[in-house]
N, C-alpha and C. Protein backbone atom coordinates (compact mmCIF):
# COMPACT_ATOMS: atom_id res chain seq x y z
N GLU A 1 14.46 8.18 5.63
CA GLU A 1 13.34 7.63 6.57
C GLU A 1 12.43 9.00 7.12
N ILE A 2 11.28 8.68 7.12
CA ILE A 2 10.29 9.66 7.51
C ILE A 2 9.92 9.50 8.92
N THR A 3 9.96 10.52 9.70
CA THR A 3 9.52 10.31 11.18
C THR A 3 8.20 10.79 11.28
N THR A 4 7.31 10.07 11.78
CA THR A 4 5.95 10.39 12.11
C THR A 4 5.62 10.21 13.66
N ARG A 5 4.88 11.01 14.23
CA ARG A 5 4.42 10.85 15.50
C ARG A 5 3.03 11.50 15.68
N LEU A 6 2.22 10.96 16.65
CA LEU A 6 0.86 11.62 16.81
C LEU A 6 1.07 12.57 17.85
N VAL A 7 0.41 13.84 17.83
CA VAL A 7 0.40 14.83 18.79
C VAL A 7 -1.06 15.09 18.99
N GLY A 8 -1.69 14.62 20.08
CA GLY A 8 -3.15 14.69 20.29
C GLY A 8 -3.83 14.13 18.88
N SER A 9 -4.74 14.82 18.40
CA SER A 9 -5.42 14.30 17.15
C SER A 9 -4.70 14.56 15.84
N GLU A 10 -3.49 15.26 16.09
CA GLU A 10 -2.75 15.73 14.74
C GLU A 10 -1.46 14.79 14.68
N MET A 11 -1.08 14.66 13.39
CA MET A 11 0.20 13.83 13.21
C MET A 11 1.30 14.72 12.60
N CYS A 12 2.45 14.53 13.19
CA CYS A 12 3.67 15.30 12.63
C CYS A 12 4.40 14.41 11.80
N ILE A 13 4.69 14.84 10.46
CA ILE A 13 5.45 14.19 9.57
C ILE A 13 6.47 15.15 9.10
N ARG A 14 7.78 14.77 9.11
CA ARG A 14 8.87 15.59 8.70
C ARG A 14 8.88 16.82 9.63
N ASP A 15 8.52 16.65 10.94
CA ASP A 15 8.34 17.81 11.93
C ASP A 15 7.42 18.83 11.38
N ARG A 16 6.49 18.48 10.53
CA ARG A 16 5.41 19.40 10.02
C ARG A 16 4.00 18.87 10.69
N VAL A 17 3.33 19.67 11.40
CA VAL A 17 1.90 19.10 11.91
C VAL A 17 0.93 19.01 10.77
N ILE A 18 0.44 17.70 10.73
CA ILE A 18 -0.50 17.44 9.75
C ILE A 18 -1.93 17.48 10.62
N SER A 19 -2.88 18.11 10.07
CA SER A 19 -4.14 18.13 10.97
C SER A 19 -5.31 17.47 10.26
N SER A 20 -5.13 16.98 8.97
CA SER A 20 -6.10 16.22 8.41
C SER A 20 -5.52 14.90 7.64
N VAL A 21 -6.35 14.14 7.40
CA VAL A 21 -6.03 12.84 6.52
C VAL A 21 -5.47 13.20 5.24
N ASP A 22 -6.18 14.23 4.52
CA ASP A 22 -5.84 14.72 3.20
C ASP A 22 -4.38 15.37 3.21
N GLU A 23 -4.01 16.06 4.27
CA GLU A 23 -2.79 16.51 4.34
C GLU A 23 -1.69 15.54 4.56
N ALA A 24 -1.93 14.57 5.37
CA ALA A 24 -1.15 13.32 5.65
C ALA A 24 -0.71 12.62 4.23
N MET A 25 -1.67 12.46 3.50
CA MET A 25 -1.46 11.76 2.14
C MET A 25 -0.72 12.59 1.28
N ILE A 26 -0.67 13.96 1.33
CA ILE A 26 -0.04 14.72 0.52
C ILE A 26 1.55 14.73 0.99
N ALA A 27 1.77 14.33 2.17
CA ALA A 27 3.21 14.23 2.55
C ALA A 27 3.92 13.27 1.79
N LEU A 28 3.50 12.19 1.25
CA LEU A 28 4.22 11.20 0.45
C LEU A 28 3.44 11.40 -1.02
N ARG A 29 4.36 11.51 -1.98
CA ARG A 29 3.77 11.54 -3.33
C ARG A 29 4.68 10.80 -4.39
N PRO A 30 4.07 10.42 -5.55
CA PRO A 30 5.08 9.77 -6.43
C PRO A 30 6.30 10.65 -6.65
N GLY A 31 7.40 9.93 -6.71
CA GLY A 31 8.72 10.66 -7.01
C GLY A 31 9.50 10.54 -5.67
N ASP A 32 8.66 10.57 -4.53
CA ASP A 32 9.50 10.61 -3.22
C ASP A 32 10.00 9.30 -2.94
N MET A 33 11.05 9.22 -2.10
CA MET A 33 11.64 7.92 -1.72
C MET A 33 10.64 7.30 -0.53
N ALA A 34 10.38 6.10 -0.70
CA ALA A 34 9.47 5.40 0.35
C ALA A 34 10.19 5.29 1.59
N PRO A 35 9.39 5.58 2.62
CA PRO A 35 10.00 5.53 3.92
C PRO A 35 10.41 3.96 4.10
N ASP A 36 11.52 3.74 4.76
CA ASP A 36 12.05 2.43 5.16
C ASP A 36 11.17 1.87 6.29
N PHE A 37 10.97 0.72 6.41
CA PHE A 37 10.34 -0.01 7.53
C PHE A 37 10.92 -1.22 7.92
N LYS A 38 10.68 -1.78 9.07
CA LYS A 38 10.92 -3.01 9.56
C LYS A 38 9.86 -3.67 10.14
N SER A 39 9.41 -4.79 9.81
CA SER A 39 8.24 -5.48 10.34
C SER A 39 8.42 -6.93 10.32
N THR A 40 7.40 -7.80 10.64
CA THR A 40 7.60 -9.17 10.48
C THR A 40 6.31 -9.72 9.67
N THR A 41 6.60 -10.78 8.93
CA THR A 41 5.72 -11.46 8.03
C THR A 41 4.80 -12.32 8.89
N GLN A 42 3.91 -12.91 8.05
CA GLN A 42 2.96 -13.70 8.84
C GLN A 42 3.50 -14.89 9.34
N GLU A 43 4.77 -15.26 8.77
CA GLU A 43 5.61 -16.50 9.31
C GLU A 43 6.74 -16.03 10.37
N GLY A 44 6.55 -14.88 10.86
CA GLY A 44 7.37 -14.33 11.84
C GLY A 44 8.69 -13.92 11.43
N GLU A 45 9.00 -13.94 10.16
CA GLU A 45 10.36 -13.38 9.60
C GLU A 45 10.39 -12.04 9.43
N PRO A 46 11.65 -11.26 9.78
CA PRO A 46 11.73 -9.87 9.56
C PRO A 46 11.89 -9.63 8.19
N LEU A 47 11.29 -8.47 7.87
CA LEU A 47 11.16 -7.83 6.58
C LEU A 47 11.37 -6.47 6.55
N SER A 48 12.15 -5.80 5.78
CA SER A 48 12.35 -4.45 5.67
C SER A 48 12.31 -4.09 4.19
N LEU A 49 12.09 -2.64 4.01
CA LEU A 49 12.14 -2.24 2.56
C LEU A 49 13.43 -2.37 1.99
N ALA A 50 14.55 -2.30 2.73
CA ALA A 50 15.87 -2.47 2.28
C ALA A 50 16.04 -3.89 1.59
N ASP A 51 15.35 -4.92 2.35
CA ASP A 51 15.37 -6.29 1.85
C ASP A 51 14.72 -6.33 0.57
N LEU A 52 13.84 -5.49 0.17
CA LEU A 52 13.17 -5.50 -1.17
C LEU A 52 13.76 -4.77 -2.24
N ARG A 53 14.93 -4.11 -1.94
CA ARG A 53 15.76 -3.34 -3.10
C ARG A 53 15.91 -4.22 -4.37
N GLY A 54 15.77 -3.64 -5.44
CA GLY A 54 15.99 -4.30 -6.61
C GLY A 54 14.66 -4.92 -7.16
N GLN A 55 13.52 -4.90 -6.35
CA GLN A 55 12.30 -5.46 -6.70
C GLN A 55 11.20 -4.35 -6.70
N ARG A 56 10.25 -4.29 -7.65
CA ARG A 56 9.15 -3.41 -7.62
C ARG A 56 8.13 -4.02 -6.69
N VAL A 57 7.51 -3.07 -5.69
CA VAL A 57 6.83 -3.58 -4.74
C VAL A 57 5.41 -2.90 -4.75
N ILE A 58 4.45 -3.58 -4.58
CA ILE A 58 3.00 -3.10 -4.52
C ILE A 58 2.76 -3.37 -2.90
N LEU A 59 2.84 -2.21 -2.27
CA LEU A 59 2.79 -2.19 -0.69
C LEU A 59 1.32 -1.67 -0.44
N TYR A 60 0.47 -2.66 -0.03
CA TYR A 60 -0.93 -2.21 0.21
C TYR A 60 -1.39 -2.31 1.51
N PHE A 61 -1.91 -1.35 2.01
CA PHE A 61 -2.39 -1.14 3.42
C PHE A 61 -3.89 -1.35 3.45
N TYR A 62 -4.30 -2.24 4.43
CA TYR A 62 -5.68 -2.43 4.59
C TYR A 62 -6.14 -2.56 6.04
N PRO A 63 -7.35 -2.15 6.42
CA PRO A 63 -7.63 -2.21 7.83
C PRO A 63 -7.67 -3.52 8.60
N LYS A 64 -8.20 -4.62 8.11
CA LYS A 64 -8.40 -5.73 9.04
C LYS A 64 -8.58 -7.02 8.25
N ASP A 65 -7.74 -8.21 8.74
CA ASP A 65 -8.15 -9.41 8.02
C ASP A 65 -9.39 -9.94 8.26
N ASN A 66 -9.91 -10.54 7.24
CA ASN A 66 -11.21 -11.25 7.15
C ASN A 66 -12.48 -10.40 7.27
N THR A 67 -12.43 -9.16 6.83
CA THR A 67 -13.49 -8.27 6.59
C THR A 67 -13.78 -8.22 5.28
N SER A 68 -15.16 -7.80 4.94
CA SER A 68 -15.55 -8.08 3.52
C SER A 68 -14.63 -7.24 2.46
N GLY A 69 -14.36 -5.93 2.70
CA GLY A 69 -13.63 -5.35 1.78
C GLY A 69 -12.24 -5.68 1.68
N CYS A 70 -11.64 -5.98 2.83
CA CYS A 70 -10.16 -6.54 2.92
C CYS A 70 -10.03 -7.79 2.18
N THR A 71 -11.04 -8.64 2.41
CA THR A 71 -10.90 -9.93 1.75
C THR A 71 -11.11 -9.83 0.31
N LEU A 72 -12.11 -9.09 -0.18
CA LEU A 72 -12.18 -8.69 -1.68
C LEU A 72 -10.96 -8.23 -2.29
N GLU A 73 -10.24 -7.34 -1.63
CA GLU A 73 -9.02 -6.72 -2.12
C GLU A 73 -7.95 -7.76 -2.19
N ALA A 74 -7.86 -8.67 -1.06
CA ALA A 74 -6.79 -9.54 -1.07
C ALA A 74 -7.05 -10.67 -2.08
N LYS A 75 -8.34 -11.13 -2.29
CA LYS A 75 -8.54 -12.06 -3.35
C LYS A 75 -8.26 -11.56 -4.65
N SER A 76 -8.55 -10.38 -5.01
CA SER A 76 -8.18 -9.73 -6.21
C SER A 76 -6.72 -9.66 -6.57
N LEU A 77 -5.83 -9.24 -5.42
CA LEU A 77 -4.40 -9.43 -5.68
C LEU A 77 -3.85 -10.85 -5.82
N ARG A 78 -4.59 -11.71 -5.04
CA ARG A 78 -4.16 -13.20 -5.12
C ARG A 78 -4.38 -13.63 -6.60
N ASP A 79 -5.60 -13.28 -7.01
CA ASP A 79 -5.79 -13.85 -8.59
C ASP A 79 -4.98 -13.14 -9.48
N GLY A 80 -4.48 -11.94 -9.29
CA GLY A 80 -3.73 -11.30 -10.22
C GLY A 80 -2.10 -11.38 -9.99
N ARG A 81 -1.92 -12.15 -9.11
CA ARG A 81 -0.52 -12.18 -8.72
C ARG A 81 0.43 -12.60 -9.66
N ASP A 82 0.02 -13.70 -10.34
CA ASP A 82 0.98 -14.14 -11.63
C ASP A 82 1.18 -13.04 -12.62
N GLU A 83 0.05 -12.35 -12.95
CA GLU A 83 0.20 -11.31 -13.98
C GLU A 83 1.19 -10.24 -13.47
N LEU A 84 0.82 -9.73 -12.15
CA LEU A 84 1.72 -8.72 -11.62
C LEU A 84 3.13 -9.30 -11.56
N ALA A 85 3.41 -10.38 -11.18
CA ALA A 85 4.75 -10.89 -11.10
C ALA A 85 5.47 -10.90 -12.44
N ARG A 86 4.61 -11.41 -13.49
CA ARG A 86 5.32 -11.14 -14.84
C ARG A 86 5.69 -9.77 -15.28
N ARG A 87 5.05 -8.75 -14.62
CA ARG A 87 5.48 -7.57 -14.92
C ARG A 87 6.36 -6.86 -13.91
N GLY A 88 6.85 -7.72 -13.01
CA GLY A 88 7.95 -7.34 -12.07
C GLY A 88 7.44 -6.91 -10.74
N PHE A 89 6.24 -7.17 -10.34
CA PHE A 89 5.83 -6.64 -8.98
C PHE A 89 5.87 -7.90 -8.03
N ARG A 90 6.10 -7.41 -6.80
CA ARG A 90 5.88 -8.30 -5.61
C ARG A 90 4.86 -7.54 -4.69
N ILE A 91 3.97 -8.35 -4.31
CA ILE A 91 2.89 -7.68 -3.40
C ILE A 91 3.30 -8.20 -1.92
N ILE A 92 3.10 -6.93 -1.18
CA ILE A 92 3.29 -6.96 0.41
C ILE A 92 1.96 -6.28 0.98
N GLY A 93 1.17 -6.97 1.68
CA GLY A 93 0.07 -6.32 2.35
C GLY A 93 0.44 -6.03 3.81
N VAL A 94 -0.27 -4.92 4.35
CA VAL A 94 0.19 -4.36 5.63
C VAL A 94 -1.10 -4.07 6.39
N SER A 95 -1.29 -4.71 7.60
CA SER A 95 -2.43 -4.26 8.49
C SER A 95 -1.97 -4.50 10.06
N PRO A 96 -2.65 -3.98 10.93
CA PRO A 96 -2.26 -4.04 12.21
C PRO A 96 -2.53 -5.41 12.94
N ASP A 97 -3.08 -6.39 12.05
CA ASP A 97 -3.32 -7.61 12.72
C ASP A 97 -2.08 -8.57 13.02
N SER A 98 -2.23 -9.38 13.95
CA SER A 98 -1.14 -10.22 14.31
C SER A 98 -0.65 -11.27 13.40
N GLU A 99 0.46 -11.86 13.59
CA GLU A 99 1.13 -12.76 12.58
C GLU A 99 0.16 -14.02 12.51
N GLN A 100 -0.36 -14.44 13.63
CA GLN A 100 -1.33 -15.67 13.60
C GLN A 100 -2.64 -15.37 12.85
N SER A 101 -3.24 -14.04 12.97
CA SER A 101 -4.34 -13.51 12.31
C SER A 101 -3.96 -13.75 10.69
N HIS A 102 -2.85 -13.17 10.30
CA HIS A 102 -2.46 -13.19 9.02
C HIS A 102 -2.24 -14.63 8.34
N ARG A 103 -1.80 -15.48 9.30
CA ARG A 103 -1.63 -16.79 8.77
C ARG A 103 -3.02 -17.50 8.59
N ASN A 104 -4.00 -17.30 9.53
CA ASN A 104 -5.32 -17.65 9.24
C ASN A 104 -6.02 -17.04 8.11
N PHE A 105 -5.75 -15.80 7.80
CA PHE A 105 -6.28 -15.07 6.64
C PHE A 105 -5.82 -15.63 5.35
N CYS A 106 -4.43 -15.96 5.36
CA CYS A 106 -3.71 -16.58 4.18
C CYS A 106 -4.32 -18.02 3.84
N ALA A 107 -4.53 -18.80 4.91
CA ALA A 107 -4.99 -20.13 4.79
C ALA A 107 -6.37 -20.15 4.31
N LYS A 108 -7.19 -19.38 4.92
CA LYS A 108 -8.61 -19.38 4.73
C LYS A 108 -8.95 -18.97 3.17
N HIS A 109 -8.10 -18.07 2.65
CA HIS A 109 -8.44 -17.45 1.27
C HIS A 109 -7.26 -17.88 0.33
N GLU A 110 -6.39 -18.69 0.53
CA GLU A 110 -5.40 -19.11 -0.27
C GLU A 110 -4.52 -18.09 -0.82
N LEU A 111 -4.13 -17.10 0.13
CA LEU A 111 -3.40 -15.93 -0.38
C LEU A 111 -1.95 -16.37 -0.61
N ASN A 112 -1.44 -15.85 -1.54
CA ASN A 112 -0.04 -16.30 -2.19
C ASN A 112 0.97 -15.16 -2.28
N PHE A 113 0.90 -14.30 -1.17
CA PHE A 113 1.69 -13.27 -1.06
C PHE A 113 2.13 -13.01 0.41
N THR A 114 2.93 -12.05 0.64
CA THR A 114 3.46 -11.83 2.04
C THR A 114 2.54 -10.75 2.77
N LEU A 115 2.25 -10.94 4.02
CA LEU A 115 1.42 -9.95 4.83
C LEU A 115 2.38 -9.45 6.00
N LEU A 116 2.41 -8.28 6.28
CA LEU A 116 3.24 -7.94 7.44
C LEU A 116 2.34 -7.67 8.62
N ALA A 117 2.72 -8.05 9.74
CA ALA A 117 1.99 -7.75 10.92
C ALA A 117 2.50 -6.50 11.64
N ASP A 118 1.83 -5.31 11.23
CA ASP A 118 2.27 -3.96 11.66
C ASP A 118 1.49 -3.68 13.16
N THR A 119 1.70 -4.52 14.09
CA THR A 119 0.78 -4.39 15.33
C THR A 119 1.02 -3.11 16.05
N ASP A 120 2.24 -2.47 15.83
CA ASP A 120 2.49 -1.27 16.61
C ASP A 120 2.26 0.04 15.62
N HIS A 121 1.73 -0.27 14.30
CA HIS A 121 1.33 0.77 13.53
C HIS A 121 2.62 1.69 12.91
N SER A 122 3.69 1.28 13.20
CA SER A 122 4.76 2.08 12.80
C SER A 122 4.87 2.15 11.28
N VAL A 123 4.71 0.97 10.57
CA VAL A 123 4.75 1.01 9.17
C VAL A 123 3.52 2.12 8.50
N CYS A 124 2.33 1.82 9.13
CA CYS A 124 1.21 2.60 8.80
C CYS A 124 1.59 4.05 8.94
N GLU A 125 2.13 4.34 10.12
CA GLU A 125 2.40 5.85 10.49
C GLU A 125 3.55 6.40 9.52
N ALA A 126 4.58 5.54 9.13
CA ALA A 126 5.57 6.08 8.27
C ALA A 126 5.03 6.49 6.87
N TYR A 127 3.83 5.80 6.43
CA TYR A 127 3.29 6.05 5.14
C TYR A 127 2.16 7.04 5.37
N GLY A 128 1.74 7.37 6.58
CA GLY A 128 0.61 8.38 6.64
C GLY A 128 -0.65 7.65 6.38
N VAL A 129 -0.88 6.52 6.77
CA VAL A 129 -2.18 5.81 6.45
C VAL A 129 -2.76 5.53 7.81
N TRP A 130 -2.04 5.78 8.99
CA TRP A 130 -2.73 5.54 10.35
C TRP A 130 -3.35 6.79 10.68
N ALA A 131 -4.64 7.05 10.76
CA ALA A 131 -5.29 8.20 10.90
C ALA A 131 -6.70 7.87 11.66
N GLU A 132 -7.13 9.20 12.05
CA GLU A 132 -8.52 9.21 12.66
C GLU A 132 -9.57 8.85 11.71
N LYS A 133 -10.39 8.00 12.00
CA LYS A 133 -11.49 7.59 11.07
C LYS A 133 -12.89 7.76 11.93
N SER A 134 -14.05 7.75 11.39
CA SER A 134 -15.33 7.89 11.92
C SER A 134 -16.30 7.02 11.44
N MET A 135 -17.01 6.29 12.30
CA MET A 135 -18.04 5.35 11.81
C MET A 135 -19.12 5.49 12.85
N TYR A 136 -20.52 5.77 12.36
CA TYR A 136 -21.61 5.90 13.13
C TYR A 136 -21.32 6.79 14.27
N GLY A 137 -20.63 8.05 14.05
CA GLY A 137 -20.37 9.03 14.92
C GLY A 137 -19.33 8.73 15.84
N ARG A 138 -18.67 7.53 15.97
CA ARG A 138 -17.59 7.23 16.80
C ARG A 138 -16.29 7.37 16.14
N LYS A 139 -15.38 8.16 16.82
CA LYS A 139 -14.06 8.33 16.19
C LYS A 139 -13.04 7.44 16.71
N TYR A 140 -12.15 6.91 15.88
CA TYR A 140 -11.15 5.88 16.39
C TYR A 140 -9.95 6.05 15.29
N MET A 141 -8.87 5.42 15.74
CA MET A 141 -7.61 5.50 14.77
C MET A 141 -7.63 4.01 14.02
N GLY A 142 -7.37 4.24 12.78
CA GLY A 142 -7.37 3.07 11.92
C GLY A 142 -6.51 3.35 10.57
N VAL A 143 -6.47 2.29 9.87
CA VAL A 143 -5.88 2.36 8.69
C VAL A 143 -6.61 2.82 7.48
N LEU A 144 -5.97 3.93 6.74
CA LEU A 144 -6.67 4.18 5.39
C LEU A 144 -6.31 3.37 4.36
N ARG A 145 -7.25 2.77 3.80
CA ARG A 145 -6.98 1.66 2.58
C ARG A 145 -6.02 2.54 1.55
N THR A 146 -4.95 2.22 1.33
CA THR A 146 -4.09 2.87 0.21
C THR A 146 -3.08 1.76 -0.14
N THR A 147 -2.72 2.02 -1.37
CA THR A 147 -1.68 1.31 -2.01
C THR A 147 -0.56 2.21 -2.56
N PHE A 148 0.71 1.78 -2.22
CA PHE A 148 1.88 2.39 -2.65
C PHE A 148 2.68 1.53 -3.61
N VAL A 149 2.92 2.02 -5.01
CA VAL A 149 3.71 1.04 -5.95
C VAL A 149 5.13 1.64 -5.72
N ILE A 150 6.19 0.92 -5.28
CA ILE A 150 7.50 1.35 -5.23
C ILE A 150 8.47 0.76 -6.10
N ASP A 151 9.49 1.53 -6.83
CA ASP A 151 10.19 1.02 -7.89
C ASP A 151 11.37 0.39 -7.10
N ALA A 152 12.26 -0.30 -8.07
CA ALA A 152 13.35 -1.03 -7.56
C ALA A 152 14.45 -0.32 -6.71
N GLU A 153 14.40 1.03 -6.89
CA GLU A 153 15.39 1.81 -6.12
C GLU A 153 14.80 2.43 -4.85
N GLY A 154 13.43 2.18 -4.66
CA GLY A 154 12.91 2.69 -3.36
C GLY A 154 12.12 3.86 -3.35
N ARG A 155 11.74 4.18 -4.75
CA ARG A 155 11.06 5.44 -4.96
C ARG A 155 9.58 5.25 -5.09
N ILE A 156 8.78 5.98 -4.83
CA ILE A 156 7.24 5.75 -4.97
C ILE A 156 7.04 6.19 -6.30
N GLU A 157 6.43 5.11 -7.06
CA GLU A 157 5.87 5.20 -8.62
C GLU A 157 4.39 5.74 -8.56
N LYS A 158 3.62 5.09 -7.90
CA LYS A 158 2.04 5.45 -7.79
C LYS A 158 1.53 5.29 -6.50
N ILE A 159 0.51 6.02 -6.19
CA ILE A 159 -0.34 5.89 -4.96
C ILE A 159 -1.82 5.75 -5.36
N PHE A 160 -2.55 4.80 -4.81
CA PHE A 160 -3.78 4.49 -5.11
C PHE A 160 -4.42 4.88 -3.67
N GLU A 161 -5.27 5.96 -3.70
CA GLU A 161 -5.99 6.31 -2.44
C GLU A 161 -7.41 5.73 -2.45
N LYS A 162 -8.00 5.65 -3.72
CA LYS A 162 -9.21 5.21 -3.95
C LYS A 162 -9.18 3.81 -4.59
N VAL A 163 -9.12 2.91 -3.73
CA VAL A 163 -8.93 1.42 -4.08
C VAL A 163 -10.19 0.72 -4.55
N ARG A 164 -10.19 0.22 -5.72
CA ARG A 164 -11.29 -0.64 -6.08
C ARG A 164 -11.15 -2.01 -5.55
N THR A 165 -11.63 -2.37 -4.44
CA THR A 165 -11.31 -3.61 -3.68
C THR A 165 -11.57 -4.91 -4.51
N LYS A 166 -12.71 -4.89 -5.32
CA LYS A 166 -13.07 -6.13 -6.17
C LYS A 166 -12.20 -6.39 -7.19
N ASP A 167 -11.59 -5.32 -7.74
CA ASP A 167 -10.70 -5.62 -8.89
C ASP A 167 -9.39 -4.74 -8.82
N HIS A 168 -8.75 -4.89 -7.62
CA HIS A 168 -7.53 -3.92 -7.36
C HIS A 168 -6.39 -4.21 -8.20
N TYR A 169 -6.28 -5.53 -8.48
CA TYR A 169 -5.06 -5.75 -9.40
C TYR A 169 -5.26 -5.28 -10.80
N GLN A 170 -6.56 -5.23 -11.23
CA GLN A 170 -6.82 -4.75 -12.65
C GLN A 170 -6.57 -3.28 -12.64
N GLN A 171 -7.00 -2.47 -11.50
CA GLN A 171 -6.85 -1.09 -11.29
C GLN A 171 -5.37 -0.79 -11.39
N ILE A 172 -4.35 -1.56 -10.76
CA ILE A 172 -3.04 -1.30 -10.85
C ILE A 172 -2.52 -1.48 -12.37
N LEU A 173 -2.89 -2.50 -13.04
CA LEU A 173 -2.54 -2.74 -14.25
C LEU A 173 -3.02 -1.65 -15.23
N GLU A 174 -4.35 -1.39 -15.18
CA GLU A 174 -4.81 -0.21 -15.89
C GLU A 174 -3.98 1.14 -15.76
N ALA A 175 -3.68 1.37 -14.60
CA ALA A 175 -2.95 2.61 -14.27
C ALA A 175 -1.58 2.61 -14.96
N TYR A 176 -1.02 1.59 -15.11
CA TYR A 176 0.34 1.36 -15.80
C TYR A 176 0.08 1.26 -17.26
N GLU A 177 -1.09 0.73 -17.74
CA GLU A 177 -1.25 0.77 -19.27
C GLU A 177 -1.55 2.07 -19.68
N LEU A 178 -2.40 2.91 -18.98
CA LEU A 178 -2.58 4.31 -19.19
C LEU A 178 -1.45 5.08 -19.26
N SER A 179 -0.47 4.83 -18.47
CA SER A 179 0.73 5.57 -18.45
C SER A 179 1.66 5.47 -19.61
N LEU A 180 1.38 4.29 -20.28
CA LEU A 180 2.21 3.86 -21.52
C LEU A 180 1.70 4.52 -22.72
N ILE A 181 0.58 4.96 -22.63
CA ILE A 181 -0.21 5.49 -23.86
C ILE A 181 -0.12 6.99 -23.77
N HIS A 182 0.47 7.50 -25.03
CA HIS A 182 0.71 9.00 -25.02
C HIS A 182 0.31 9.42 -26.44
N ILE A 183 0.09 10.64 -26.62
CA ILE A 183 -0.04 11.27 -28.04
C ILE A 183 1.18 11.73 -28.51
N SER A 184 1.46 11.34 -29.78
CA SER A 184 2.61 11.77 -30.43
C SER A 184 2.38 13.09 -31.09
N GLU A 185 3.08 14.27 -30.70
CA GLU A 185 2.57 15.59 -30.97
C GLU A 185 2.80 16.03 -32.44
N PRO A 186 3.73 15.51 -33.18
CA PRO A 186 3.74 16.06 -34.65
C PRO A 186 2.73 15.31 -35.56
N THR A 187 2.20 14.20 -35.13
CA THR A 187 1.20 13.53 -36.00
C THR A 187 -0.08 13.40 -35.36
N ARG A 188 -0.12 13.59 -33.90
CA ARG A 188 -1.33 13.59 -33.22
C ARG A 188 -1.82 12.19 -33.22
N ARG A 189 -1.12 11.21 -33.24
CA ARG A 189 -1.48 9.75 -33.37
C ARG A 189 -1.22 9.31 -31.86
N VAL A 190 -1.94 8.18 -31.59
CA VAL A 190 -1.75 7.45 -30.17
C VAL A 190 -0.70 6.53 -30.39
N VAL A 191 0.31 6.47 -29.36
CA VAL A 191 1.39 5.46 -29.54
C VAL A 191 1.32 4.68 -28.15
N ILE A 192 1.32 3.39 -28.39
CA ILE A 192 1.29 2.45 -27.11
C ILE A 192 2.62 1.87 -27.05
N SER A 193 3.24 2.03 -25.84
CA SER A 193 4.50 1.37 -25.53
C SER A 193 4.36 0.13 -24.74
N TYR A 194 5.16 -0.79 -24.99
CA TYR A 194 5.03 -2.09 -24.20
C TYR A 194 6.41 -2.34 -23.75
C-alpha cells in the first residue's frame, strides 16, 4: 500500500516529496503493484482492490459526473464494455462525486459498470491523480483524468495519462493490440499474437 499525503501544495508519496503533477505520475508505473483501496460503489456497497483479485481491472479516474468530457469517456467505456469483458477486463470508474450523483449519472447515460464514490479523495491520492489544477488563472485541487489497467494479481499493466475521451475503450484495445505485434528478428517479419 502506498501512503500519500498533502504537505502545503506538495504531495508526499512513499515519504518522498512530489512537487509536480509529472513527478506524482512517475511515482506509479507499469510493473508496480497497484495501491490497495477501499471505497463504496454507486449502490453503497464496499469495494476494495483485494475484492477484485483474479480479475483484470480498468480503473479509470475522471473529474466529475455529467460534465462533457467525463460523459464522453463513460459512454465510450459503456459502449465497449462487452468487448472489454470478452478480453477479461472489468471497468471501475472513480471520481469524488457522491453515491447519489453516481446513481444519477449511471441512470441518465445507461452506464453498465461500477463507479466508486471517492468523496474523501483517498483512492485518487493513492494513485497520484489528486493534484493541483489551474483554470482561468484559478488554482484548485482536482482529479487528473488517468486510467490504470491492473492485472489479475494486482500489478499495473498500463497507464493512460492522455485519455481520448470520445473513444477511450478503443484506445485501450489499440494499446493491447500494439503490444501483441512484434518483429521477429531472424526473418524481420511482423508476427501478430492473439
